Amino acid sequence: MLHIALAKGRIAKTVMHRLADGGWEFPEYSGDSRKLIFTDASGRLKVTLVKSPDVAVYVRRGAADAGIVGKDILIEDGADDVYEILDLGIGKCRMAVSGIRGQRDVMKKRILTVASKYPRIARRYFARRFQPVDIIRLNGSVELAPLVGLADVIVDIVETGTTLRENGLEAYDEFMELSARLICNKVSYKMKQSELQDFIRSCRFEE
């Protein structure tokens, strides 16, 4: 049996839909279910839904053979001890520096206050610009930070830009293309090559 850890939310729903189209049957799965572990009818594939930052942990520790998670998480949290084997081309978005619309000059401040769920990515970005920053790590609605004066700018994922526009913000610089990646435990990669390839083919990730 191949055990896959999926990031909850849009990625999980997309992958489960592809699995269904590829002939896999999960009798207990539905998009609204609170259940977290699903086994297909043939007993060949198990799927566990976890929070995005935990996918690599499950794979690294061998609690799952493979996982699907956004590249942003892999960069932020590090994934040197798992194999990143495929860009799945789903969940596409960009990492961006954003702030209040029309106030782009704030980027010229001597020391910039930056709010982000991704402090490592943010620090690297501003280090390349030789821009001193004070990083505030937030886990909730990062868009609020410039609006309430907590930060000058934010570093966060942008997909359509709708959330930014609706809150009076704009992207100052979109600097990183992101998508979901298939990662694999190093031992499972050697021992379960056949099962892994069947999974990739059935989801049409190679198209």
Foldseek 3Di string as FASTA:
>chain_A
DAEEEEAPDPGVVLLVVLLVQLPWAFPPDDNPDPDAWTATPVRLYIYGYDHQLCRLVCQQVVVGFKYKHKVLSCVQVPNPQWAFDAFLPAPKWFKFKKAAPPPLCQQVDQEFEEEECRVVVVVVVVVVVVHHYHYDYDDPDRLCCRVVVNGGIYIDIDHPCPVQVVSRMDTPDGDGIMGMTMIGRPVSVVVPVVSVVSSCVSSVSVD
